[in-house]
Amino acid sequence: MRALIIDDERLARKELTSLLAEHAYIKVIGEAANADEALELINNENPDLLFLDIQMPGKTGFELLEMLDDVPQVIFTTAYDEYALKAFEVNALDYVLKPIQPERLAESLKKLKKVEEAEKAKELSGKLGIDDQVFVKDGDRCWFVSLSNVRVFESDGNYIKVYFDNNRPMIHKSLNALDEKLDPKHFFRASRKHIINLSWVESIEPWFNGGLMVKLKGGDKVEVSRRQAAKFKDRMSL
């Protein structure tokens, strides 16, 4: 798992790097001393995990997360315990107090492994596949649609717009909830706003800031976020 260490204290970064050397599955790919440096690193490296301090010169760790389109797993590392509640409100994996003890770090990384295993198990569990049909209702109109005909799902506030044929009905559901139900072999979360049907992909071209622009059969275009671009390339390559 590729990780970044973000902390304004050089000795704290060095100590954490040393502790992580005992955990072979964590690869430290970079360090940053403030949020601006971290933002550039995150955009360039697409890490899986952030070890993130909260109080830093300039922007805080929380403000850094607000700037990200796609947030990796986060383990906060801080000398202050008063931010713990807010840390979990932003879905941080863990909150580790400095000075970091090896046993406490190992406990945090066990939690990380459990999360990763749960996500893999979820992918292997029963999902809605390309050959399944779903019931879609928008106002007085109803459809029984094969998912093979749905080319894209688009988030619109608390609703999802479903693109099939010449129809774009709205259903009251979150994109996150839908993403959990769809088979990842056939459907790909392109960004916070879009899930695309991979069988509808016609062409791909590089886009701004390391993202991709995907053209679907029929003419629709969907931007793949920078963080998802590497996963998309892996999925679509031999």
C-alpha atoms as a PDB file:
ATOM      1  CA  MET A   1       0.000   0.000   0.000  1.00  0.00           C
ATOM      2  CA  ARG A   2       1.470   3.350  -1.116  1.00  0.00           C
ATOM      3  CA  ALA A   3       1.555   5.968   1.631  1.00  0.00           C
ATOM      4  CA  LEU A   4       2.451   9.628   2.150  1.00  0.00           C
ATOM      5  CA  ILE A   5       3.589  11.134   5.452  1.00  0.00           C
ATOM      6  CA  ILE A   6       2.387  14.719   5.954  1.00  0.00           C
ATOM      7  CA  ASP A   7       3.807  16.461   9.020  1.00  0.00           C
ATOM      8  CA  ASP A   8       5.576  19.786   9.561  1.00  0.00           C
ATOM      9  CA  GLU A   9       8.061  18.195  11.994  1.00  0.00           C
ATOM     10  CA  ARG A  10      10.995  16.561  10.192  1.00  0.00           C
ATOM     11  CA  LEU A  11      11.863  14.343  13.154  1.00  0.00           C
ATOM     12  CA  ALA A  12       8.265  13.131  13.387  1.00  0.00           C
ATOM     13  CA  ARG A  13       8.347  12.174   9.695  1.00  0.00           C
ATOM     14  CA  LYS A  14      11.663  10.388  10.168  1.00  0.00           C
ATOM     15  CA  GLU A  15      10.421   8.488  13.227  1.00  0.00           C
ATOM     16  CA  LEU A  16       7.219   7.356  11.497  1.00  0.00           C
ATOM     17  CA  THR A  17       9.162   6.250   8.410  1.00  0.00           C
ATOM     18  CA  SER A  18      11.389   4.164  10.684  1.00  0.00           C
ATOM     19  CA  LEU A  19       8.384   2.577  12.422  1.00  0.00           C
ATOM     20  CA  LEU A  20       6.726   1.781   9.096  1.00  0.00           C
ATOM     21  CA  ALA A  21       9.848  -0.019   7.878  1.00  0.00           C
ATOM     22  CA  GLU A  22       8.705  -2.910  10.091  1.00  0.00           C
ATOM     23  CA  HIS A  23       5.522  -3.257   7.987  1.00  0.00           C
ATOM     24  CA  ALA A  24       6.526  -4.420   4.520  1.00  0.00           C
ATOM     25  CA  TYR A  25       3.110  -3.950   2.934  1.00  0.00           C
ATOM     26  CA  ILE A  26       3.300  -0.176   3.565  1.00  0.00           C
ATOM     27  CA  LYS A  27       5.531   1.662   1.086  1.00  0.00           C
ATOM     28  CA  VAL A  28       6.282   5.299   1.931  1.00  0.00           C
ATOM     29  CA  ILE A  29       6.413   7.083  -1.437  1.00  0.00           C
ATOM     30  CA  GLY A  30       6.867  10.645  -0.212  1.00  0.00           C
ATOM     31  CA  GLU A  31       6.780  13.240   2.546  1.00  0.00           C
ATOM     32  CA  ALA A  32       5.333  16.736   2.857  1.00  0.00           C
ATOM     33  CA  ALA A  33       5.784  19.429   5.514  1.00  0.00           C
ATOM     34  CA  ASN A  34       2.548  21.323   4.846  1.00  0.00           C
ATOM     35  CA  ALA A  35      -0.806  21.066   3.092  1.00  0.00           C
ATOM     36  CA  ASP A  36       0.291  22.785  -0.130  1.00  0.00           C
ATOM     37  CA  GLU A  37       3.242  20.427  -0.593  1.00  0.00           C
ATOM     38  CA  ALA A  38       0.965  17.513   0.262  1.00  0.00           C
ATOM     39  CA  LEU A  39      -1.668  18.538  -2.279  1.00  0.00           C
ATOM     40  CA  GLU A  40       0.895  18.518  -5.081  1.00  0.00           C
ATOM     41  CA  LEU A  41       2.254  15.132  -3.968  1.00  0.00           C
ATOM     42  CA  ILE A  42      -1.204  13.605  -3.710  1.00  0.00           C
ATOM     43  CA  ASN A  43      -2.125  14.867  -7.172  1.00  0.00           C
ATOM     44  CA  ASN A  44       1.087  13.452  -8.648  1.00  0.00           C
ATOM     45  CA  GLU A  45       1.339  10.151  -6.771  1.00  0.00           C
ATOM     46  CA  ASN A  46      -2.268   9.049  -6.102  1.00  0.00           C
ATOM     47  CA  PRO A  47      -1.438   7.422  -2.735  1.00  0.00           C
ATOM     48  CA  ASP A  48      -3.636   4.797  -1.089  1.00  0.00           C
ATOM     49  CA  LEU A  49      -2.994   6.092   2.431  1.00  0.00           C
ATOM     50  CA  LEU A  50      -2.151   9.359   4.208  1.00  0.00           C
ATOM     51  CA  PHE A  51      -0.457   9.636   7.583  1.00  0.00           C
ATOM     52  CA  LEU A  52      -1.666  13.151   8.279  1.00  0.00           C
ATOM     53  CA  ASP A  53      -0.847  15.683  10.987  1.00  0.00           C
ATOM     54  CA  ILE A  54      -3.594  18.167  11.871  1.00  0.00           C
ATOM     55  CA  GLN A  55      -1.883  21.318  13.144  1.00  0.00           C
ATOM     56  CA  MET A  56       0.569  22.553  10.508  1.00  0.00           C
ATOM     57  CA  PRO A  57       1.716  25.989   9.340  1.00  0.00           C
ATOM     58  CA  GLY A  58      -0.841  27.408   6.940  1.00  0.00           C
ATOM     59  CA  LYS A  59      -3.681  24.977   6.260  1.00  0.00           C
ATOM     60  CA  THR A  60      -4.651  22.222   8.680  1.00  0.00           C
ATOM     61  CA  GLY A  61      -4.932  18.556   7.824  1.00  0.00           C
ATOM     62  CA  PHE A  62      -8.715  18.929   7.728  1.00  0.00           C
ATOM     63  CA  GLU A  63      -8.447  21.791   5.223  1.00  0.00           C
ATOM     64  CA  LEU A  64      -6.186  19.642   3.051  1.00  0.00           C
ATOM     65  CA  LEU A  65      -8.825  16.899   2.887  1.00  0.00           C
ATOM     66  CA  GLU A  66     -11.438  19.470   1.838  1.00  0.00           C
ATOM     67  CA  MET A  67      -9.285  20.305  -1.202  1.00  0.00           C
ATOM     68  CA  LEU A  68      -9.177  16.715  -2.478  1.00  0.00           C
ATOM     69  CA  ASP A  69     -11.565  15.359  -5.089  1.00  0.00           C
ATOM     70  CA  ASP A  70     -10.854  11.785  -4.007  1.00  0.00           C
ATOM     71  CA  VAL A  71      -9.700  11.140  -0.459  1.00  0.00           C
ATOM     72  CA  PRO A  72      -7.418   8.146   0.240  1.00  0.00           C
ATOM     73  CA  GLN A  73      -7.512   6.264   3.527  1.00  0.00           C
ATOM     74  CA  VAL A  74      -6.421   8.605   6.327  1.00  0.00           C
ATOM     75  CA  ILE A  75      -4.669   7.905   9.619  1.00  0.00           C
ATOM     76  CA  PHE A  76      -4.309  11.118  11.609  1.00  0.00           C
ATOM     77  CA  THR A  77      -1.077  11.465  13.603  1.00  0.00           C
ATOM     78  CA  THR A  78      -1.171  14.336  16.094  1.00  0.00           C
ATOM     79  CA  ALA A  79      -0.070  15.450  19.540  1.00  0.00           C
ATOM     80  CA  TYR A  80      -3.562  16.751  20.334  1.00  0.00           C
ATOM     81  CA  ASP A  81      -6.517  14.611  21.353  1.00  0.00           C
ATOM     82  CA  GLU A  82      -9.238  17.285  21.049  1.00  0.00           C
ATOM     83  CA  TYR A  83      -9.679  16.682  17.307  1.00  0.00           C
ATOM     84  CA  ALA A  84     -10.584  12.991  17.573  1.00  0.00           C
ATOM     85  CA  LEU A  85     -14.336  13.461  17.085  1.00  0.00           C
ATOM     86  CA  LYS A  86     -13.877  15.666  14.031  1.00  0.00           C
ATOM     87  CA  ALA A  87     -11.376  13.172  12.613  1.00  0.00           C
ATOM     88  CA  PHE A  88     -13.969  10.412  12.588  1.00  0.00           C
ATOM     89  CA  GLU A  89     -16.588  12.777  11.187  1.00  0.00           C
ATOM     90  CA  VAL A  90     -14.412  12.995   8.049  1.00  0.00           C
ATOM     91  CA  ASN A  91     -14.225   9.178   7.932  1.00  0.00           C
ATOM     92  CA  ALA A  92     -10.616   8.874   9.049  1.00  0.00           C
ATOM     93  CA  LEU A  93      -9.514   5.300   9.537  1.00  0.00           C
ATOM     94  CA  ASP A  94      -7.753   6.040  12.831  1.00  0.00           C
ATOM     95  CA  TYR A  95      -6.423   8.774  15.128  1.00  0.00           C
ATOM     96  CA  VAL A  96      -2.994   8.102  16.615  1.00  0.00           C
ATOM     97  CA  LEU A  97      -1.445  10.329  19.260  1.00  0.00           C
ATOM     98  CA  LYS A  98       2.211  11.333  19.240  1.00  0.00           C
ATOM     99  CA  PRO A  99       4.686  10.155  20.255  1.00  0.00           C
ATOM    100  CA  ILE A 100       3.585   7.157  18.211  1.00  0.00           C
ATOM    101  CA  GLN A 101       4.159   3.844  19.914  1.00  0.00           C
ATOM    102  CA  PRO A 102       5.000   0.793  17.738  1.00  0.00           C
ATOM    103  CA  GLU A 103       2.164  -1.214  19.301  1.00  0.00           C
ATOM    104  CA  ARG A 104      -0.362   1.550  18.618  1.00  0.00           C
ATOM    105  CA  LEU A 105       0.799   1.883  15.011  1.00  0.00           C
ATOM    106  CA  ALA A 106       0.521  -1.898  14.523  1.00  0.00           C
ATOM    107  CA  GLU A 107      -3.027  -1.753  15.876  1.00  0.00           C
ATOM    108  CA  SER A 108      -3.900   0.991  13.411  1.00  0.00           C
ATOM    109  CA  LEU A 109      -2.448  -0.962  10.492  1.00  0.00           C
ATOM    110  CA  LYS A 110      -4.433  -4.048  11.531  1.00  0.00           C
ATOM    111  CA  LYS A 111      -7.543  -1.911  11.233  1.00  0.00           C
ATOM    112  CA  LEU A 112      -6.380  -0.847   7.768  1.00  0.00           C
ATOM    113  CA  LYS A 113      -5.944  -4.490   6.712  1.00  0.00           C
ATOM    114  CA  LYS A 114      -9.432  -5.346   7.944  1.00  0.00           C
ATOM    115  CA  VAL A 115     -10.904  -2.502   5.910  1.00  0.00           C
ATOM    116  CA  GLU A 116      -9.034  -3.653   2.800  1.00  0.00           C
ATOM    117  CA  GLU A 117     -10.169  -7.256   3.311  1.00  0.00           C
ATOM    118  CA  ALA A 118     -13.761  -6.127   3.789  1.00  0.00           C
ATOM    119  CA  GLU A 119     -13.650  -4.157   0.549  1.00  0.00           C
ATOM    120  CA  LYS A 120     -12.265  -7.156  -1.341  1.00  0.00           C
ATOM    121  CA  ALA A 121     -14.933  -9.408   0.153  1.00  0.00           C
ATOM    122  CA  LYS A 122     -17.574  -6.909  -0.868  1.00  0.00           C
ATOM    123  CA  GLU A 123     -16.307  -7.039  -4.442  1.00  0.00           C
ATOM    124  CA  LEU A 124     -16.572 -10.817  -4.462  1.00  0.00           C
ATOM    125  CA  SER A 125     -20.075 -10.862  -3.000  1.00  0.00           C
ATOM    126  CA  GLY A 126     -23.254 -10.900  -5.056  1.00  0.00           C
ATOM    127  CA  LYS A 127     -23.601  -7.743  -7.137  1.00  0.00           C
ATOM    128  CA  LEU A 128     -25.933  -6.502  -9.820  1.00  0.00           C
ATOM    129  CA  GLY A 129     -24.331  -7.608 -13.084  1.00  0.00           C
ATOM    130  CA  ILE A 130     -24.580  -6.588 -16.688  1.00  0.00           C
ATOM    131  CA  ASP A 131     -27.313  -9.148 -17.404  1.00  0.00           C
ATOM    132  CA  ASP A 132     -29.555  -8.122 -14.499  1.00  0.00           C
ATOM    133  CA  GLN A 133     -32.649  -6.020 -14.907  1.00  0.00           C
ATOM    134  CA  VAL A 134     -33.728  -3.203 -12.599  1.00  0.00           C
ATOM    135  CA  PHE A 135     -36.979  -1.355 -12.015  1.00  0.00           C
ATOM    136  CA  VAL A 136     -36.750   2.420 -12.522  1.00  0.00           C
ATOM    137  CA  LYS A 137     -39.567   4.807 -11.587  1.00  0.00           C
ATOM    138  CA  ASP A 138     -39.576   8.552 -12.171  1.00  0.00           C
ATOM    139  CA  GLY A 139     -42.878  10.211 -11.335  1.00  0.00           C
ATOM    140  CA  ASP A 140     -45.637   8.425 -13.255  1.00  0.00           C
ATOM    141  CA  ARG A 141     -43.249   6.737 -15.682  1.00  0.00           C
ATOM    142  CA  CYS A 142     -41.750   3.290 -15.082  1.00  0.00           C
ATOM    143  CA  TRP A 143     -39.167   1.153 -16.867  1.00  0.00           C
ATOM    144  CA  PHE A 144     -37.781  -2.355 -16.423  1.00  0.00           C
ATOM    145  CA  VAL A 145     -34.271  -1.853 -17.725  1.00  0.00           C
ATOM    146  CA  SER A 146     -31.431  -4.265 -18.464  1.00  0.00           C
ATOM    147  CA  LEU A 147     -28.241  -2.903 -16.917  1.00  0.00           C
ATOM    148  CA  SER A 148     -26.492  -3.718 -20.197  1.00  0.00           C
ATOM    149  CA  ASN A 149     -28.455  -0.802 -21.700  1.00  0.00           C
ATOM    150  CA  VAL A 150     -27.499   1.701 -18.992  1.00  0.00           C
ATOM    151  CA  ARG A 151     -24.422   3.560 -20.160  1.00  0.00           C
ATOM    152  CA  VAL A 152     -23.889   5.935 -17.219  1.00  0.00           C
ATOM    153  CA  PHE A 153     -25.239   6.901 -13.792  1.00  0.00           C
ATOM    154  CA  GLU A 154     -24.839  10.561 -12.868  1.00  0.00           C
ATOM    155  CA  SER A 155     -25.196  12.048  -9.382  1.00  0.00           C
ATOM    156  CA  ASP A 156     -27.477  15.075  -9.128  1.00  0.00           C
ATOM    157  CA  GLY A 157     -27.853  16.159  -5.501  1.00  0.00           C
ATOM    158  CA  ASN A 158     -29.793  13.445  -3.661  1.00  0.00           C
ATOM    159  CA  TYR A 159     -30.790  11.818  -6.949  1.00  0.00           C
ATOM    160  CA  ILE A 160     -29.155   9.758  -9.687  1.00  0.00           C
ATOM    161  CA  LYS A 161     -29.816  10.337 -13.378  1.00  0.00           C
ATOM    162  CA  VAL A 162     -29.950   6.997 -15.260  1.00  0.00           C
ATOM    163  CA  TYR A 163     -28.859   7.178 -18.915  1.00  0.00           C
ATOM    164  CA  PHE A 164     -30.382   4.524 -21.214  1.00  0.00           C
ATOM    165  CA  ASP A 165     -31.723   4.800 -24.763  1.00  0.00           C
ATOM    166  CA  ASN A 166     -33.054   8.367 -25.009  1.00  0.00           C
ATOM    167  CA  ASN A 167     -34.249   8.349 -21.392  1.00  0.00           C
ATOM    168  CA  ARG A 168     -32.706  10.005 -18.337  1.00  0.00           C
ATOM    169  CA  PRO A 169     -35.053   9.338 -15.419  1.00  0.00           C
ATOM    170  CA  MET A 170     -34.105  10.416 -11.885  1.00  0.00           C
ATOM    171  CA  ILE A 171     -34.107   8.013  -8.949  1.00  0.00           C
ATOM    172  CA  HIS A 172     -33.811   8.959  -5.277  1.00  0.00           C
ATOM    173  CA  LYS A 173     -30.577   7.230  -4.285  1.00  0.00           C
ATOM    174  CA  SER A 174     -26.966   8.129  -3.513  1.00  0.00           C
ATOM    175  CA  LEU A 175     -24.198   7.233  -5.948  1.00  0.00           C
ATOM    176  CA  ASN A 176     -22.219   5.645  -3.103  1.00  0.00           C
ATOM    177  CA  ALA A 177     -25.098   3.286  -2.276  1.00  0.00           C
ATOM    178  CA  LEU A 178     -25.513   2.353  -5.937  1.00  0.00           C
ATOM    179  CA  ASP A 179     -21.773   1.787  -6.354  1.00  0.00           C
ATOM    180  CA  GLU A 180     -21.885  -0.826  -3.594  1.00  0.00           C
ATOM    181  CA  LYS A 181     -24.596  -2.782  -5.446  1.00  0.00           C
ATOM    182  CA  LEU A 182     -23.038  -2.836  -8.920  1.00  0.00           C
ATOM    183  CA  ASP A 183     -20.577  -5.479 -10.131  1.00  0.00           C
ATOM    184  CA  PRO A 184     -17.145  -3.779 -10.443  1.00  0.00           C
ATOM    185  CA  LYS A 185     -16.319  -6.076 -13.367  1.00  0.00           C
ATOM    186  CA  HIS A 186     -18.808  -4.153 -15.476  1.00  0.00           C
ATOM    187  CA  PHE A 187     -19.303  -0.786 -13.796  1.00  0.00           C
ATOM    188  CA  PHE A 188     -16.599   1.717 -12.870  1.00  0.00           C
ATOM    189  CA  ARG A 189     -16.748   4.673 -10.465  1.00  0.00           C
ATOM    190  CA  ALA A 190     -15.229   7.344 -12.682  1.00  0.00           C
ATOM    191  CA  SER A 191     -15.573  10.192 -10.178  1.00  0.00           C
ATOM    192  CA  ARG A 192     -17.723  11.475  -7.353  1.00  0.00           C
ATOM    193  CA  LYS A 193     -20.451  12.220  -9.914  1.00  0.00           C
ATOM    194  CA  HIS A 194     -20.344   9.313 -12.368  1.00  0.00           C
ATOM    195  CA  ILE A 195     -20.441   5.524 -12.672  1.00  0.00           C
ATOM    196  CA  ILE A 196     -19.943   4.222 -16.206  1.00  0.00           C
ATOM    197  CA  ASN A 197     -20.803   0.944 -17.913  1.00  0.00           C
ATOM    198  CA  LEU A 198     -17.444  -0.314 -19.225  1.00  0.00           C
ATOM    199  CA  SER A 199     -19.064  -2.100 -22.165  1.00  0.00           C
ATOM    200  CA  TRP A 200     -20.149   1.309 -23.515  1.00  0.00           C
ATOM    201  CA  VAL A 201     -16.625   2.770 -23.616  1.00  0.00           C
ATOM    202  CA  GLU A 202     -15.683   3.784 -27.158  1.00  0.00           C
ATOM    203  CA  SER A 203     -12.520   5.866 -26.736  1.00  0.00           C
ATOM    204  CA  ILE A 204     -10.266   7.367 -24.062  1.00  0.00           C
ATOM    205  CA  GLU A 205      -8.076  10.465 -24.161  1.00  0.00           C
ATOM    206  CA  PRO A 206      -5.823  12.228 -21.651  1.00  0.00           C
ATOM    207  CA  TRP A 207      -7.473  15.126 -19.842  1.00  0.00           C
ATOM    208  CA  PHE A 208      -6.540  17.943 -17.495  1.00  0.00           C
ATOM    209  CA  ASN A 209      -4.438  17.338 -14.363  1.00  0.00           C
ATOM    210  CA  GLY A 210      -3.813  13.665 -15.083  1.00  0.00           C
ATOM    211  CA  GLY A 211      -7.466  12.729 -15.553  1.00  0.00           C
ATOM    212  CA  LEU A 212      -9.058  11.029 -18.551  1.00  0.00           C
ATOM    213  CA  MET A 213     -11.976  11.823 -20.813  1.00  0.00           C
ATOM    214  CA  VAL A 214     -13.999   8.764 -21.779  1.00  0.00           C
ATOM    215  CA  LYS A 215     -16.303   8.841 -24.786  1.00  0.00           C
ATOM    216  CA  LEU A 216     -19.188   6.368 -24.663  1.00  0.00           C
ATOM    217  CA  LYS A 217     -21.031   4.825 -27.581  1.00  0.00           C
ATOM    218  CA  GLY A 218     -23.813   7.231 -28.422  1.00  0.00           C
ATOM    219  CA  GLY A 219     -21.725  10.323 -27.782  1.00  0.00           C
ATOM    220  CA  ASP A 220     -21.827  10.872 -24.021  1.00  0.00           C
ATOM    221  CA  LYS A 221     -18.532  12.005 -22.489  1.00  0.00           C
ATOM    222  CA  VAL A 222     -17.501  11.358 -18.876  1.00  0.00           C
ATOM    223  CA  GLU A 223     -14.417  12.656 -17.096  1.00  0.00           C
ATOM    224  CA  VAL A 224     -12.453  10.139 -15.025  1.00  0.00           C
ATOM    225  CA  SER A 225     -10.907  11.849 -12.002  1.00  0.00           C
ATOM    226  CA  ARG A 226      -7.150  11.905 -11.523  1.00  0.00           C
ATOM    227  CA  ARG A 227      -7.280   9.433  -8.637  1.00  0.00           C
ATOM    228  CA  GLN A 228      -9.443   6.981 -10.576  1.00  0.00           C
ATOM    229  CA  ALA A 229      -7.489   7.297 -13.829  1.00  0.00           C
ATOM    230  CA  ALA A 230      -4.770   4.805 -12.830  1.00  0.00           C
ATOM    231  CA  LYS A 231      -7.371   2.253 -11.737  1.00  0.00           C
ATOM    232  CA  PHE A 232      -9.261   2.775 -14.974  1.00  0.00           C
ATOM    233  CA  LYS A 233      -6.137   2.211 -17.082  1.00  0.00           C
ATOM    234  CA  ASP A 234      -5.418  -1.008 -15.172  1.00  0.00           C
ATOM    235  CA  ARG A 235      -8.974  -2.199 -15.629  1.00  0.00           C
ATOM    236  CA  MET A 236      -9.041  -1.541 -19.363  1.00  0.00           C
ATOM    237  CA  SER A 237      -5.521  -2.806 -20.191  1.00  0.00           C
ATOM    238  CA  LEU A 238      -4.432  -6.333 -21.132  1.00  0.00           C
END
